[in-house]
Amino acid sequence: MTFIDFKKLLLDAELSIPKFTELIKVSEKNIQAYKKKKHVPNAIAVIATCFAKMNKESIDFRELINDLELEKKEKKGAGFSKKKVSKEKEKSKK
């Protein structure tokens, strides 16, 4: 699915990208990155399609999703800086 089609589905679902990302507990940066790629992954396309269809059928998908009590994943490190810290620890042990 193209990013443009994805955004149209969000409009049909009466969601903005920030509201969509908050609802499904993913980073807005991740979703915005698909804009450059011009396509969204299948799972995101399916979610947006379902939300649009449910909204059209007057089904409160927001309540259904909130009831799942999804948790946003947090980054646990800062990439290469973690390696730098471990190297510094090794040096201090010597």
PDB file of N, CA and C in Angstrom:
ATOM      1  N   MET A   1       0.846  -1.176   0.000  1.00  0.00           N
ATOM      2  CA  MET A   1       0.000   0.000   0.000  1.00  0.00           C
ATOM      3  C   MET A   1       0.889   1.236   0.000  1.00  0.00           C
ATOM      4  N   THR A   2       0.517   2.212  -0.802  1.00  0.00           N
ATOM      5  CA  THR A   2       1.304   3.445  -0.837  1.00  0.00           C
ATOM      6  C   THR A   2       1.029   4.269   0.422  1.00  0.00           C
ATOM      7  N   PHE A   3       1.962   5.152   0.712  1.00  0.00           N
ATOM      8  CA  PHE A   3       1.794   6.015   1.878  1.00  0.00           C
ATOM      9  C   PHE A   3       0.591   6.936   1.687  1.00  0.00           C
ATOM     10  N   ILE A   4       0.352   7.355   0.457  1.00  0.00           N
ATOM     11  CA  ILE A   4      -0.800   8.227   0.164  1.00  0.00           C
ATOM     12  C   ILE A   4      -2.112   7.492   0.442  1.00  0.00           C
ATOM     13  N   ASP A   5      -2.201   6.238   0.004  1.00  0.00           N
ATOM     14  CA  ASP A   5      -3.396   5.431   0.283  1.00  0.00           C
ATOM     15  C   ASP A   5      -3.588   5.226   1.788  1.00  0.00           C
ATOM     16  N   PHE A   6      -2.476   5.028   2.486  1.00  0.00           N
ATOM     17  CA  PHE A   6      -2.507   4.878   3.943  1.00  0.00           C
ATOM     18  C   PHE A   6      -3.098   6.127   4.596  1.00  0.00           C
ATOM     19  N   LYS A   7      -2.631   7.308   4.160  1.00  0.00           N
ATOM     20  CA  LYS A   7      -3.139   8.558   4.738  1.00  0.00           C
ATOM     21  C   LYS A   7      -4.619   8.755   4.433  1.00  0.00           C
ATOM     22  N   LYS A   8      -5.062   8.327   3.246  1.00  0.00           N
ATOM     23  CA  LYS A   8      -6.487   8.416   2.909  1.00  0.00           C
ATOM     24  C   LYS A   8      -7.318   7.540   3.847  1.00  0.00           C
ATOM     25  N   LEU A   9      -6.797   6.361   4.152  1.00  0.00           N
ATOM     26  CA  LEU A   9      -7.509   5.474   5.081  1.00  0.00           C
ATOM     27  C   LEU A   9      -7.580   6.076   6.479  1.00  0.00           C
ATOM     28  N   LEU A  10      -6.507   6.736   6.893  1.00  0.00           N
ATOM     29  CA  LEU A  10      -6.538   7.397   8.205  1.00  0.00           C
ATOM     30  C   LEU A  10      -7.608   8.487   8.229  1.00  0.00           C
ATOM     31  N   LEU A  11      -7.743   9.222   7.131  1.00  0.00           N
ATOM     32  CA  LEU A  11      -8.803  10.233   7.044  1.00  0.00           C
ATOM     33  C   LEU A  11     -10.175   9.579   7.158  1.00  0.00           C
ATOM     34  N   ASP A  12     -10.340   8.427   6.479  1.00  0.00           N
ATOM     35  CA  ASP A  12     -11.608   7.695   6.567  1.00  0.00           C
ATOM     36  C   ASP A  12     -11.884   7.207   7.984  1.00  0.00           C
ATOM     37  N   ALA A  13     -10.814   6.938   8.713  1.00  0.00           N
ATOM     38  CA  ALA A  13     -10.946   6.485  10.095  1.00  0.00           C
ATOM     39  C   ALA A  13     -11.023   7.665  11.071  1.00  0.00           C
ATOM     40  N   GLU A  14     -10.928   8.876  10.531  1.00  0.00           N
ATOM     41  CA  GLU A  14     -10.926  10.105  11.331  1.00  0.00           C
ATOM     42  C   GLU A  14      -9.759  10.131  12.316  1.00  0.00           C
ATOM     43  N   LEU A  15      -8.579   9.776  11.781  1.00  0.00           N
ATOM     44  CA  LEU A  15      -7.352   9.766  12.575  1.00  0.00           C
ATOM     45  C   LEU A  15      -6.268  10.566  11.866  1.00  0.00           C
ATOM     46  N   SER A  16      -5.446  11.230  12.650  1.00  0.00           N
ATOM     47  CA  SER A  16      -4.230  11.847  12.135  1.00  0.00           C
ATOM     48  C   SER A  16      -3.097  10.846  12.395  1.00  0.00           C
ATOM     49  N   ILE A  17      -1.949  11.088  11.818  1.00  0.00           N
ATOM     50  CA  ILE A  17      -0.824  10.189  12.078  1.00  0.00           C
ATOM     51  C   ILE A  17      -0.462  10.180  13.561  1.00  0.00           C
ATOM     52  N   PRO A  18      -0.365  11.341  14.234  1.00  0.00           N
ATOM     53  CA  PRO A  18      -0.064  11.296  15.672  1.00  0.00           C
ATOM     54  C   PRO A  18      -1.108  10.511  16.482  1.00  0.00           C
ATOM     55  N   LYS A  19      -2.381  10.669  16.152  1.00  0.00           N
ATOM     56  CA  LYS A  19      -3.424   9.930  16.878  1.00  0.00           C
ATOM     57  C   LYS A  19      -3.338   8.433  16.584  1.00  0.00           C
ATOM     58  N   PHE A  20      -3.029   8.083  15.332  1.00  0.00           N
ATOM     59  CA  PHE A  20      -2.874   6.680  14.947  1.00  0.00           C
ATOM     60  C   PHE A  20      -1.723   6.042  15.714  1.00  0.00           C
ATOM     61  N   THR A  21      -0.573   6.731  15.747  1.00  0.00           N
ATOM     62  CA  THR A  21       0.598   6.162  16.421  1.00  0.00           C
ATOM     63  C   THR A  21       0.372   6.040  17.927  1.00  0.00           C
ATOM     64  N   GLU A  22      -0.330   6.997  18.497  1.00  0.00           N
ATOM     65  CA  GLU A  22      -0.634   6.924  19.930  1.00  0.00           C
ATOM     66  C   GLU A  22      -1.568   5.745  20.212  1.00  0.00           C
ATOM     67  N   LEU A  23      -2.528   5.551  19.349  1.00  0.00           N
ATOM     68  CA  LEU A  23      -3.506   4.478  19.541  1.00  0.00           C
ATOM     69  C   LEU A  23      -2.854   3.101  19.476  1.00  0.00           C
ATOM     70  N   ILE A  24      -1.975   2.893  18.490  1.00  0.00           N
ATOM     71  CA  ILE A  24      -1.367   1.564  18.347  1.00  0.00           C
ATOM     72  C   ILE A  24      -0.004   1.468  19.035  1.00  0.00           C
ATOM     73  N   LYS A  25       0.390   2.527  19.719  1.00  0.00           N
ATOM     74  CA  LYS A  25       1.608   2.565  20.539  1.00  0.00           C
ATOM     75  C   LYS A  25       2.882   2.283  19.746  1.00  0.00           C
ATOM     76  N   VAL A  26       3.044   3.011  18.648  1.00  0.00           N
ATOM     77  CA  VAL A  26       4.292   2.957  17.895  1.00  0.00           C
ATOM     78  C   VAL A  26       4.839   4.374  17.756  1.00  0.00           C
ATOM     79  N   SER A  27       6.096   4.467  17.427  1.00  0.00           N
ATOM     80  CA  SER A  27       6.734   5.760  17.278  1.00  0.00           C
ATOM     81  C   SER A  27       6.230   6.479  16.025  1.00  0.00           C
ATOM     82  N   GLU A  28       5.934   7.740  16.180  1.00  0.00           N
ATOM     83  CA  GLU A  28       5.510   8.532  15.026  1.00  0.00           C
ATOM     84  C   GLU A  28       6.632   8.610  13.996  1.00  0.00           C
ATOM     85  N   LYS A  29       7.880   8.610  14.464  1.00  0.00           N
ATOM     86  CA  LYS A  29       9.024   8.647  13.549  1.00  0.00           C
ATOM     87  C   LYS A  29       9.019   7.424  12.632  1.00  0.00           C
ATOM     88  N   ASN A  30       8.671   6.272  13.186  1.00  0.00           N
ATOM     89  CA  ASN A  30       8.631   5.053  12.373  1.00  0.00           C
ATOM     90  C   ASN A  30       7.613   5.178  11.256  1.00  0.00           C
ATOM     91  N   ILE A  31       6.437   5.679  11.576  1.00  0.00           N
ATOM     92  CA  ILE A  31       5.390   5.820  10.559  1.00  0.00           C
ATOM     93  C   ILE A  31       5.797   6.874   9.529  1.00  0.00           C
ATOM     94  N   GLN A  32       6.354   7.983   9.994  1.00  0.00           N
ATOM     95  CA  GLN A  32       6.777   9.042   9.071  1.00  0.00           C
ATOM     96  C   GLN A  32       7.894   8.558   8.138  1.00  0.00           C
ATOM     97  N   ALA A  33       8.702   7.605   8.595  1.00  0.00           N
ATOM     98  CA  ALA A  33       9.787   7.071   7.760  1.00  0.00           C
ATOM     99  C   ALA A  33       9.234   6.369   6.522  1.00  0.00           C
ATOM    100  N   TYR A  34       8.025   5.833   6.620  1.00  0.00           N
ATOM    101  CA  TYR A  34       7.422   5.161   5.466  1.00  0.00           C
ATOM    102  C   TYR A  34       7.077   6.155   4.359  1.00  0.00           C
ATOM    103  N   LYS A  35       6.969   7.414   4.720  1.00  0.00           N
ATOM    104  CA  LYS A  35       6.686   8.446   3.717  1.00  0.00           C
ATOM    105  C   LYS A  35       7.817   8.499   2.692  1.00  0.00           C
ATOM    106  N   LYS A  36       9.060   8.386   3.161  1.00  0.00           N
ATOM    107  CA  LYS A  36      10.216   8.401   2.262  1.00  0.00           C
ATOM    108  C   LYS A  36      10.253   7.148   1.401  1.00  0.00           C
ATOM    109  N   LYS A  37       9.858   6.024   1.991  1.00  0.00           N
ATOM    110  CA  LYS A  37       9.855   4.756   1.252  1.00  0.00           C
ATOM    111  C   LYS A  37       8.668   4.652   0.295  1.00  0.00           C
ATOM    112  N   LYS A  38       7.678   5.499   0.526  1.00  0.00           N
ATOM    113  CA  LYS A  38       6.457   5.600  -0.291  1.00  0.00           C
ATOM    114  C   LYS A  38       5.505   4.414  -0.132  1.00  0.00           C
ATOM    115  N   HIS A  39       5.836   3.477   0.730  1.00  0.00           N
ATOM    116  CA  HIS A  39       4.956   2.341   1.014  1.00  0.00           C
ATOM    117  C   HIS A  39       4.953   2.060   2.502  1.00  0.00           C
ATOM    118  N   VAL A  40       3.861   1.488   2.988  1.00  0.00           N
ATOM    119  CA  VAL A  40       3.777   1.088   4.386  1.00  0.00           C
ATOM    120  C   VAL A  40       3.796  -0.438   4.453  1.00  0.00           C
ATOM    121  N   PRO A  41       4.292  -0.996   5.559  1.00  0.00           N
ATOM    122  CA  PRO A  41       4.299  -2.453   5.713  1.00  0.00           C
ATOM    123  C   PRO A  41       2.871  -3.011   5.724  1.00  0.00           C
ATOM    124  N   ASN A  42       2.765  -4.268   5.385  1.00  0.00           N
ATOM    125  CA  ASN A  42       1.460  -4.915   5.313  1.00  0.00           C
ATOM    126  C   ASN A  42       0.668  -4.787   6.608  1.00  0.00           C
ATOM    127  N   ALA A  43       1.316  -4.986   7.745  1.00  0.00           N
ATOM    128  CA  ALA A  43       0.607  -4.931   9.027  1.00  0.00           C
ATOM    129  C   ALA A  43      -0.009  -3.553   9.269  1.00  0.00           C
ATOM    130  N   ILE A  44       0.718  -2.504   8.947  1.00  0.00           N
ATOM    131  CA  ILE A  44       0.208  -1.142   9.122  1.00  0.00           C
ATOM    132  C   ILE A  44      -0.944  -0.896   8.152  1.00  0.00           C
ATOM    133  N   ALA A  45      -0.812  -1.410   6.928  1.00  0.00           N
ATOM    134  CA  ALA A  45      -1.883  -1.265   5.934  1.00  0.00           C
ATOM    135  C   ALA A  45      -3.161  -1.961   6.409  1.00  0.00           C
ATOM    136  N   VAL A  46      -3.010  -3.135   6.974  1.00  0.00           N
ATOM    137  CA  VAL A  46      -4.174  -3.887   7.472  1.00  0.00           C
ATOM    138  C   VAL A  46      -4.851  -3.135   8.612  1.00  0.00           C
ATOM    139  N   ILE A  47      -4.059  -2.615   9.529  1.00  0.00           N
ATOM    140  CA  ILE A  47      -4.623  -1.884  10.668  1.00  0.00           C
ATOM    141  C   ILE A  47      -5.405  -0.667  10.181  1.00  0.00           C
ATOM    142  N   ALA A  48      -4.810   0.117   9.301  1.00  0.00           N
ATOM    143  CA  ALA A  48      -5.471   1.319   8.796  1.00  0.00           C
ATOM    144  C   ALA A  48      -6.757   0.969   8.043  1.00  0.00           C
ATOM    145  N   THR A  49      -6.718  -0.099   7.259  1.00  0.00           N
ATOM    146  CA  THR A  49      -7.899  -0.540   6.514  1.00  0.00           C
ATOM    147  C   THR A  49      -9.018  -0.944   7.461  1.00  0.00           C
ATOM    148  N   CYS A  50      -8.665  -1.695   8.481  1.00  0.00           N
ATOM    149  CA  CYS A  50      -9.672  -2.125   9.471  1.00  0.00           C
ATOM    150  C   CYS A  50     -10.262  -0.936  10.214  1.00  0.00           C
ATOM    151  N   PHE A  51      -9.418   0.006  10.616  1.00  0.00           N
ATOM    152  CA  PHE A  51      -9.906   1.195  11.322  1.00  0.00           C
ATOM    153  C   PHE A  51     -10.878   1.981  10.441  1.00  0.00           C
ATOM    154  N   ALA A  52     -10.537   2.150   9.164  1.00  0.00           N
ATOM    155  CA  ALA A  52     -11.408   2.901   8.247  1.00  0.00           C
ATOM    156  C   ALA A  52     -12.749   2.194   8.081  1.00  0.00           C
ATOM    157  N   LYS A  53     -12.715   0.881   7.889  1.00  0.00           N
ATOM    158  CA  LYS A  53     -13.947   0.108   7.706  1.00  0.00           C
ATOM    159  C   LYS A  53     -14.794   0.120   8.983  1.00  0.00           C
ATOM    160  N   MET A  54     -14.156  -0.032  10.125  1.00  0.00           N
ATOM    161  CA  MET A  54     -14.882  -0.028  11.392  1.00  0.00           C
ATOM    162  C   MET A  54     -15.523   1.334  11.645  1.00  0.00           C
ATOM    163  N   ASN A  55     -14.803   2.402  11.321  1.00  0.00           N
ATOM    164  CA  ASN A  55     -15.356   3.739  11.496  1.00  0.00           C
ATOM    165  C   ASN A  55     -16.575   3.934  10.595  1.00  0.00           C
ATOM    166  N   LYS A  56     -16.474   3.450   9.359  1.00  0.00           N
ATOM    167  CA  LYS A  56     -17.590   3.553   8.418  1.00  0.00           C
ATOM    168  C   LYS A  56     -18.820   2.799   8.938  1.00  0.00           C
ATOM    169  N   GLU A  57     -18.579   1.687   9.628  1.00  0.00           N
ATOM    170  CA  GLU A  57     -19.663   0.863  10.177  1.00  0.00           C
ATOM    171  C   GLU A  57     -20.070   1.312  11.583  1.00  0.00           C
ATOM    172  N   SER A  58     -19.556   2.447  12.027  1.00  0.00           N
ATOM    173  CA  SER A  58     -19.848   3.018  13.357  1.00  0.00           C
ATOM    174  C   SER A  58     -19.453   2.096  14.507  1.00  0.00           C
ATOM    175  N   ILE A  59     -18.342   1.387  14.315  1.00  0.00           N
ATOM    176  CA  ILE A  59     -17.789   0.541  15.379  1.00  0.00           C
ATOM    177  C   ILE A  59     -16.693   1.342  16.071  1.00  0.00           C
ATOM    178  N   ASP A  60     -16.752   1.418  17.395  1.00  0.00           N
ATOM    179  CA  ASP A  60     -15.770   2.199  18.153  1.00  0.00           C
ATOM    180  C   ASP A  60     -14.467   1.408  18.295  1.00  0.00           C
ATOM    181  N   PHE A  61     -13.628   1.498  17.271  1.00  0.00           N
ATOM    182  CA  PHE A  61     -12.365   0.752  17.293  1.00  0.00           C
ATOM    183  C   PHE A  61     -11.407   1.305  18.338  1.00  0.00           C
ATOM    184  N   ARG A  62     -11.523   2.583  18.677  1.00  0.00           N
ATOM    185  CA  ARG A  62     -10.626   3.174  19.677  1.00  0.00           C
ATOM    186  C   ARG A  62     -10.773   2.479  21.023  1.00  0.00           C
ATOM    187  N   GLU A  63     -11.998   2.236  21.418  1.00  0.00           N
ATOM    188  CA  GLU A  63     -12.243   1.542  22.686  1.00  0.00           C
ATOM    189  C   GLU A  63     -11.701   0.121  22.631  1.00  0.00           C
ATOM    190  N   LEU A  64     -11.918  -0.562  21.507  1.00  0.00           N
ATOM    191  CA  LEU A  64     -11.408  -1.932  21.355  1.00  0.00           C
ATOM    192  C   LEU A  64      -9.890  -1.973  21.495  1.00  0.00           C
ATOM    193  N   ILE A  65      -9.213  -1.035  20.846  1.00  0.00           N
ATOM    194  CA  ILE A  65      -7.747  -1.006  20.894  1.00  0.00           C
ATOM    195  C   ILE A  65      -7.268  -0.606  22.286  1.00  0.00           C
ATOM    196  N   ASN A  66      -7.913   0.376  22.897  1.00  0.00           N
ATOM    197  CA  ASN A  66      -7.519   0.787  24.250  1.00  0.00           C
ATOM    198  C   ASN A  66      -7.698  -0.345  25.252  1.00  0.00           C
ATOM    199  N   ASP A  67      -8.705  -1.181  25.057  1.00  0.00           N
ATOM    200  CA  ASP A  67      -8.934  -2.321  25.948  1.00  0.00           C
ATOM    201  C   ASP A  67      -7.804  -3.348  25.879  1.00  0.00           C
ATOM    202  N   LEU A  68      -7.025  -3.327  24.811  1.00  0.00           N
ATOM    203  CA  LEU A  68      -5.896  -4.250  24.685  1.00  0.00           C
ATOM    204  C   LEU A  68      -4.738  -3.885  25.615  1.00  0.00           C
ATOM    205  N   GLU A  69      -4.754  -2.651  26.115  1.00  0.00           N
ATOM    206  CA  GLU A  69      -3.703  -2.144  27.005  1.00  0.00           C
ATOM    207  C   GLU A  69      -2.312  -2.357  26.402  1.00  0.00           C
ATOM    208  N   LEU A  70      -2.166  -1.929  25.149  1.00  0.00           N
ATOM    209  CA  LEU A  70      -0.883  -2.031  24.467  1.00  0.00           C
ATOM    210  C   LEU A  70       0.147  -1.169  25.185  1.00  0.00           C
ATOM    211  N   GLU A  71       1.395  -1.592  25.121  1.00  0.00           N
ATOM    212  CA  GLU A  71       2.473  -0.819  25.735  1.00  0.00           C
ATOM    213  C   GLU A  71       3.450  -0.379  24.663  1.00  0.00           C
ATOM    214  N   LYS A  72       3.853   0.872  24.747  1.00  0.00           N
ATOM    215  CA  LYS A  72       4.818   1.412  23.803  1.00  0.00           C
ATOM    216  C   LYS A  72       6.201   0.893  24.168  1.00  0.00           C
ATOM    217  N   LYS A  73       6.925   0.385  23.177  1.00  0.00           N
ATOM    218  CA  LYS A  73       8.284  -0.090  23.409  1.00  0.00           C
ATOM    219  C   LYS A  73       9.214   1.105  23.509  1.00  0.00           C
ATOM    220  N   GLU A  74      10.087   1.063  24.485  1.00  0.00           N
ATOM    221  CA  GLU A  74      11.057   2.132  24.679  1.00  0.00           C
ATOM    222  C   GLU A  74      12.430   1.636  24.283  1.00  0.00           C
ATOM    223  N   LYS A  75      13.244   2.505  23.712  1.00  0.00           N
ATOM    224  CA  LYS A  75      14.608   2.128  23.372  1.00  0.00           C
ATOM    225  C   LYS A  75      15.388   1.891  24.655  1.00  0.00           C
ATOM    226  N   LYS A  76      16.206   0.845  24.653  1.00  0.00           N
ATOM    227  CA  LYS A  76      16.967   0.494  25.848  1.00  0.00           C
ATOM    228  C   LYS A  76      18.423   0.904  25.768  1.00  0.00           C
ATOM    229  N   GLY A  77      18.826   1.480  24.669  1.00  0.00           N
ATOM    230  CA  GLY A  77      20.215   1.880  24.525  1.00  0.00           C
ATOM    231  C   GLY A  77      20.347   2.923  23.450  1.00  0.00           C
ATOM    232  N   ALA A  78      21.548   3.392  23.296  1.00  0.00           N
ATOM    233  CA  ALA A  78      21.782   4.416  22.281  1.00  0.00           C
ATOM    234  C   ALA A  78      22.803   3.918  21.276  1.00  0.00           C
ATOM    235  N   GLY A  79      22.491   2.836  20.634  1.00  0.00           N
ATOM    236  CA  GLY A  79      23.324   2.312  19.559  1.00  0.00           C
ATOM    237  C   GLY A  79      24.763   2.087  19.932  1.00  0.00           C
ATOM    238  N   PHE A  80      25.664   2.750  19.221  1.00  0.00           N
ATOM    239  CA  PHE A  80      27.090   2.520  19.395  1.00  0.00           C
ATOM    240  C   PHE A  80      27.620   3.048  20.717  1.00  0.00           C
ATOM    241  N   SER A  81      26.922   3.948  21.367  1.00  0.00           N
ATOM    242  CA  SER A  81      27.436   4.504  22.629  1.00  0.00           C
ATOM    243  C   SER A  81      27.519   3.436  23.704  1.00  0.00           C
ATOM    244  N   LYS A  82      26.707   2.410  23.610  1.00  0.00           N
ATOM    245  CA  LYS A  82      26.744   1.312  24.569  1.00  0.00           C
ATOM    246  C   LYS A  82      28.081   0.585  24.470  1.00  0.00           C
ATOM    247  N   LYS A  83      28.583   0.380  23.239  1.00  0.00           N
ATOM    248  CA  LYS A  83      29.866  -0.270  23.039  1.00  0.00           C
ATOM    249  C   LYS A  83      30.987   0.581  23.626  1.00  0.00           C
ATOM    250  N   LYS A  84      30.862   1.876  23.459  1.00  0.00           N
ATOM    251  CA  LYS A  84      31.874   2.789  23.970  1.00  0.00           C
ATOM    252  C   LYS A  84      31.972   2.683  25.481  1.00  0.00           C
ATOM    253  N   VAL A  85      30.839   2.606  26.146  1.00  0.00           N
ATOM    254  CA  VAL A  85      30.822   2.488  27.607  1.00  0.00           C
ATOM    255  C   VAL A  85      31.484   1.193  28.027  1.00  0.00           C
ATOM    256  N   SER A  86      31.193   0.079  27.363  1.00  0.00           N
ATOM    257  CA  SER A  86      31.785  -1.207  27.742  1.00  0.00           C
ATOM    258  C   SER A  86      33.293  -1.201  27.522  1.00  0.00           C
ATOM    259  N   LYS A  87      33.772  -0.525  26.479  1.00  0.00           N
ATOM    260  CA  LYS A  87      35.214  -0.418  26.257  1.00  0.00           C
ATOM    261  C   LYS A  87      35.874   0.389  27.368  1.00  0.00           C
ATOM    262  N   GLU A  88      35.194   1.440  27.810  1.00  0.00           N
ATOM    263  CA  GLU A  88      35.739   2.260  28.896  1.00  0.00           C
ATOM    264  C   GLU A  88      35.804   1.454  30.186  1.00  0.00           C
ATOM    265  N   LYS A  89      34.818   0.595  30.423  1.00  0.00           N
ATOM    266  CA  LYS A  89      34.825  -0.267  31.618  1.00  0.00           C
ATOM    267  C   LYS A  89      35.991  -1.232  31.575  1.00  0.00           C
ATOM    268  N   GLU A  90      36.254  -1.812  30.382  1.00  0.00           N
ATOM    269  CA  GLU A  90      37.363  -2.738  30.218  1.00  0.00           C
ATOM    270  C   GLU A  90      38.689  -2.032  30.516  1.00  0.00           C
ATOM    271  N   LYS A  91      38.848  -0.814  30.039  1.00  0.00           N
ATOM    272  CA  LYS A  91      40.068  -0.065  30.282  1.00  0.00           C
ATOM    273  C   LYS A  91      40.264   0.221  31.760  1.00  0.00           C
ATOM    274  N   SER A  92      39.175   0.552  32.459  1.00  0.00           N
ATOM    275  CA  SER A  92      39.288   0.872  33.886  1.00  0.00           C
ATOM    276  C   SER A  92      39.606  -0.371  34.715  1.00  0.00           C
ATOM    277  N   LYS A  93      39.207  -1.561  34.233  1.00  0.00           N
ATOM    278  CA  LYS A  93      39.504  -2.810  34.948  1.00  0.00           C
ATOM    279  C   LYS A  93      40.992  -3.152  34.873  1.00  0.00           C
ATOM    280  N   LYS A  94      41.644  -2.731  33.787  1.00  0.00           N
ATOM    281  CA  LYS A  94      43.078  -3.061  33.576  1.00  0.00           C
ATOM    282  C   LYS A  94      43.885  -2.178  34.447  1.00  0.00           C
TER     283      LYS A  94
END
